[in-house]
Protein backbone atom coordinates (compact mmCIF):
# COMPACT_ATOMS: atom_id res chain seq x y z
CA MET A 1 -28.08 38.25 -55.93
CA LYS A 2 -28.15 34.73 -57.05
CA SER A 3 -24.99 35.15 -59.11
CA PHE A 4 -23.19 36.88 -56.35
CA THR A 5 -23.85 33.86 -53.88
CA THR A 6 -22.80 31.41 -56.59
CA TYR A 7 -19.65 33.59 -57.27
CA ASN A 8 -18.75 33.46 -53.53
CA ILE A 9 -19.35 29.71 -53.22
CA MET A 10 -17.00 29.20 -56.24
CA ILE A 11 -14.42 31.31 -54.69
CA ALA A 12 -14.72 29.47 -51.37
CA VAL A 13 -14.22 26.07 -53.30
CA LEU A 14 -11.21 27.47 -55.15
CA VAL A 15 -9.60 28.64 -51.99
CA ALA A 16 -10.19 25.26 -50.23
CA GLY A 17 -9.06 23.30 -53.20
CA THR A 18 -5.85 25.42 -53.45
CA ALA A 19 -5.01 24.98 -49.82
CA LEU A 20 -5.88 21.13 -50.03
CA LEU A 21 -3.64 20.77 -53.13
CA SER A 22 -0.76 22.76 -51.65
CA SER A 23 -0.72 20.60 -48.57
CA CYS A 24 -0.41 17.51 -50.68
CA ASP A 25 3.23 17.92 -51.31
CA LYS A 26 5.24 14.61 -52.33
CA LYS A 27 7.76 14.71 -49.65
CA GLU A 28 8.98 11.39 -48.38
CA THR A 29 8.97 11.01 -44.65
CA THR A 30 11.06 8.12 -43.24
CA VAL A 31 9.84 6.90 -39.77
CA LYS A 32 13.11 5.73 -38.19
CA ASP A 33 11.85 3.93 -35.02
CA LEU A 34 8.24 3.23 -34.28
CA MET A 35 9.28 1.15 -31.18
CA ILE A 36 8.41 2.98 -28.08
CA LYS A 37 10.61 2.09 -25.18
CA GLY A 38 8.92 0.00 -22.52
CA LEU A 39 6.16 -1.26 -24.64
CA PRO A 40 5.97 -4.89 -26.10
CA THR A 41 6.38 -5.39 -29.83
CA LEU A 42 3.81 -8.15 -29.61
CA SER A 43 1.15 -8.76 -27.12
CA SER A 44 -1.42 -11.49 -27.18
CA ARG A 45 -4.23 -12.92 -24.82
CA ASN A 46 -5.19 -16.56 -24.12
CA VAL A 47 -2.35 -18.22 -25.98
CA GLU A 48 -1.77 -21.89 -26.36
CA THR A 49 1.48 -22.90 -28.30
CA MET A 50 2.42 -26.44 -29.22
CA TYR A 51 6.09 -27.55 -29.69
CA SER A 52 6.84 -30.62 -31.68
CA ASP A 53 9.62 -32.94 -32.75
CA SER A 54 9.05 -35.17 -35.85
CA GLY A 55 5.42 -34.68 -35.75
CA LYS A 56 4.98 -35.55 -32.00
CA VAL A 57 3.92 -32.89 -29.54
CA THR A 58 6.77 -32.52 -26.86
CA MET A 59 5.53 -29.29 -25.11
CA VAL A 60 2.40 -27.13 -24.65
CA VAL A 61 2.70 -23.69 -23.19
CA ARG A 62 -0.66 -21.98 -22.09
CA THR A 63 -0.67 -18.38 -20.83
CA PRO A 64 -3.50 -15.82 -20.38
CA LEU A 65 -1.09 -13.09 -21.61
CA ILE A 66 2.09 -13.09 -23.54
CA GLN A 67 4.38 -9.99 -24.25
CA GLN A 68 7.39 -10.01 -26.56
CA PHE A 69 10.08 -7.37 -26.26
CA THR A 70 12.25 -7.73 -29.39
CA SER A 71 13.47 -4.19 -29.64
CA GLU A 72 15.51 -4.35 -26.49
CA GLU A 73 19.19 -5.04 -26.47
CA ASN A 74 18.41 -8.46 -24.92
CA PRO A 75 15.10 -9.57 -26.33
CA TYR A 76 12.83 -11.36 -23.98
CA THR A 77 9.19 -12.61 -23.57
CA LEU A 78 7.12 -12.01 -20.56
CA PHE A 79 4.13 -14.03 -19.25
CA PRO A 80 3.03 -11.51 -16.58
CA GLU A 81 -0.10 -13.44 -15.77
CA GLY A 82 1.61 -16.74 -15.40
CA LEU A 83 1.87 -19.84 -17.42
CA THR A 84 1.38 -23.63 -17.57
CA VAL A 85 3.74 -25.95 -19.38
CA LEU A 86 2.95 -29.43 -20.11
CA PHE A 87 5.66 -31.86 -21.28
CA TYR A 88 5.06 -34.90 -23.49
CA ASP A 89 7.32 -37.86 -24.03
CA ARG A 90 5.97 -40.20 -26.98
CA THR A 91 2.51 -40.29 -25.50
CA ASP A 92 -0.72 -38.23 -25.70
CA VAL A 93 -0.76 -37.93 -21.87
CA PRO A 94 1.46 -35.16 -20.18
CA GLN A 95 4.48 -36.67 -18.45
CA ALA A 96 5.39 -33.44 -16.41
CA SER A 97 4.07 -29.97 -15.91
CA ILE A 98 5.18 -26.70 -14.52
CA THR A 99 3.06 -23.61 -13.40
CA SER A 100 3.77 -20.20 -12.07
CA HIS A 101 2.05 -16.88 -11.70
CA TYR A 102 4.86 -14.96 -13.56
CA ALA A 103 7.38 -16.06 -16.02
CA ARG A 104 10.05 -14.41 -18.26
CA TYR A 105 12.08 -16.14 -21.09
CA THR A 106 15.29 -14.48 -22.22
CA GLU A 107 16.31 -15.47 -25.65
CA LYS A 108 20.19 -14.63 -25.46
CA ASP A 109 20.70 -16.93 -22.37
CA ASP A 110 17.92 -19.34 -23.36
CA VAL A 111 16.87 -19.35 -19.72
CA TRP A 112 13.26 -19.31 -18.35
CA GLU A 113 12.84 -17.40 -14.99
CA LEU A 114 9.62 -18.66 -13.19
CA ARG A 115 8.30 -16.63 -10.10
CA ASP A 116 5.50 -16.69 -7.70
CA SER A 117 3.84 -19.95 -6.66
CA VAL A 118 6.10 -22.09 -8.85
CA VAL A 119 5.03 -25.79 -8.96
CA ALA A 120 6.89 -28.48 -11.20
CA VAL A 121 5.59 -31.96 -11.17
CA SER A 122 7.59 -34.83 -12.67
CA ASN A 123 6.38 -38.00 -14.52
CA LYS A 124 7.08 -39.91 -11.26
CA GLY A 125 4.69 -37.74 -9.25
CA GLU A 126 7.56 -35.78 -7.61
CA VAL A 127 6.42 -32.23 -6.73
CA LEU A 128 8.85 -29.14 -6.44
CA GLU A 129 7.50 -25.96 -4.90
CA THR A 130 9.22 -22.66 -4.68
CA GLU A 131 8.99 -18.91 -5.34
CA LEU A 132 11.64 -18.69 -7.85
CA LEU A 133 12.96 -21.31 -10.41
CA PHE A 134 15.30 -20.98 -13.31
CA TRP A 135 15.12 -23.57 -16.14
CA SER A 136 17.64 -24.05 -19.10
CA GLN A 137 16.28 -26.50 -21.59
CA PRO A 138 19.38 -26.81 -23.71
CA ARG A 139 21.57 -27.40 -20.46
CA ASP A 140 18.82 -29.77 -19.12
CA ARG A 141 19.04 -27.94 -15.74
CA ILE A 142 16.67 -26.41 -13.21
CA TRP A 143 17.72 -24.58 -10.17
CA SER A 144 16.77 -22.05 -7.45
CA ASP A 145 18.53 -20.20 -4.70
CA ARG A 146 15.28 -19.62 -2.75
CA PHE A 147 13.38 -21.92 -0.28
CA VAL A 148 12.21 -25.07 -1.85
CA ARG A 149 9.89 -27.88 -0.77
CA PHE A 150 10.43 -31.22 -2.62
CA THR A 151 7.99 -34.02 -2.33
CA HIS A 152 9.23 -37.47 -3.69
CA ASN A 153 8.80 -41.06 -2.79
CA ASP A 154 8.01 -41.22 0.93
CA GLN A 155 9.35 -37.90 2.07
CA ILE A 156 9.19 -34.13 1.91
CA VAL A 157 12.56 -32.28 1.93
CA MET A 158 12.75 -28.47 2.57
CA GLY A 159 15.68 -26.26 2.21
CA THR A 160 17.15 -23.25 0.43
CA GLY A 161 18.85 -23.79 -2.83
CA PHE A 162 17.93 -26.59 -5.48
CA ASP A 163 19.84 -28.08 -8.41
CA SER A 164 18.55 -30.81 -10.82
CA ASP A 165 18.27 -32.21 -14.22
CA SER A 166 14.84 -31.35 -15.90
CA ARG A 167 13.62 -34.99 -14.98
CA PHE A 168 14.43 -34.73 -11.34
CA SER A 169 16.65 -37.84 -11.72
CA ASN A 170 19.76 -36.13 -10.06
CA TRP A 171 18.76 -33.48 -7.80
CA THR A 172 20.18 -31.67 -4.72
CA ILE A 173 18.95 -29.41 -2.03
CA LYS A 174 21.79 -27.38 -0.79
CA ASN A 175 20.78 -26.13 2.72
CA VAL A 176 18.33 -28.91 4.07
CA THR A 177 16.13 -27.40 6.84
CA GLY A 178 13.91 -30.26 7.41
CA THR A 179 12.84 -33.71 6.17
CA ILE A 180 9.38 -35.09 6.84
CA TYR A 181 8.83 -38.80 6.25
CA ILE A 182 5.33 -39.77 4.92
CA ARG A 183 4.09 -43.31 5.64
CA ASP A 184 1.16 -44.93 4.10
CA GLU A 185 -1.57 -45.19 6.88
CA GLN A 186 -3.47 -48.18 6.83
CA GLU A 187 -7.13 -48.18 7.53
CA VAL A 188 -7.84 -49.24 10.98
CA THR A 189 -11.26 -50.68 11.70
CA PRO A 190 -12.68 -50.37 15.13
CA ALA A 191 -12.94 -53.59 17.28
CA ASP A 192 -16.29 -55.10 17.59
């Protein structure tokens, strides 16, 4: 009886081994496209990227989520949870900043599209607030066709449409809807 069981086990092992070896055919399979449409080719969380020129930091980008789409006809990078950009100019202290709750960078056009609670602050303390802002670093231009609120010097200017260089030194609000003048209030002491 023992030899019959050993014989059955050996037959089972030979059948399993034959099946296993016959499935190990040396066919080469070429995977043509692993990119699944609509999914990023790269995704990362809690990213801080530093850009430099001649060893000096010029810009720091911080984002909770970055997604790159390089398989598309027009590659782009998404920042679906927003970003903060700090600009440096020969100092260790940021000279300007920009924040938004959503951003998209298109490589072909070299243009940033910032959406949702966009706030840009210049080195002079000027503040631009809007819901949509485009920025082209190579052309040194920022613009919007939406409502903007621009605070500078002693006034707040509101309107629709904005165009400027990236330093706010030459800016225009196209359809001004209001200007509020801010004056320094001096502390008044009550009379004794």
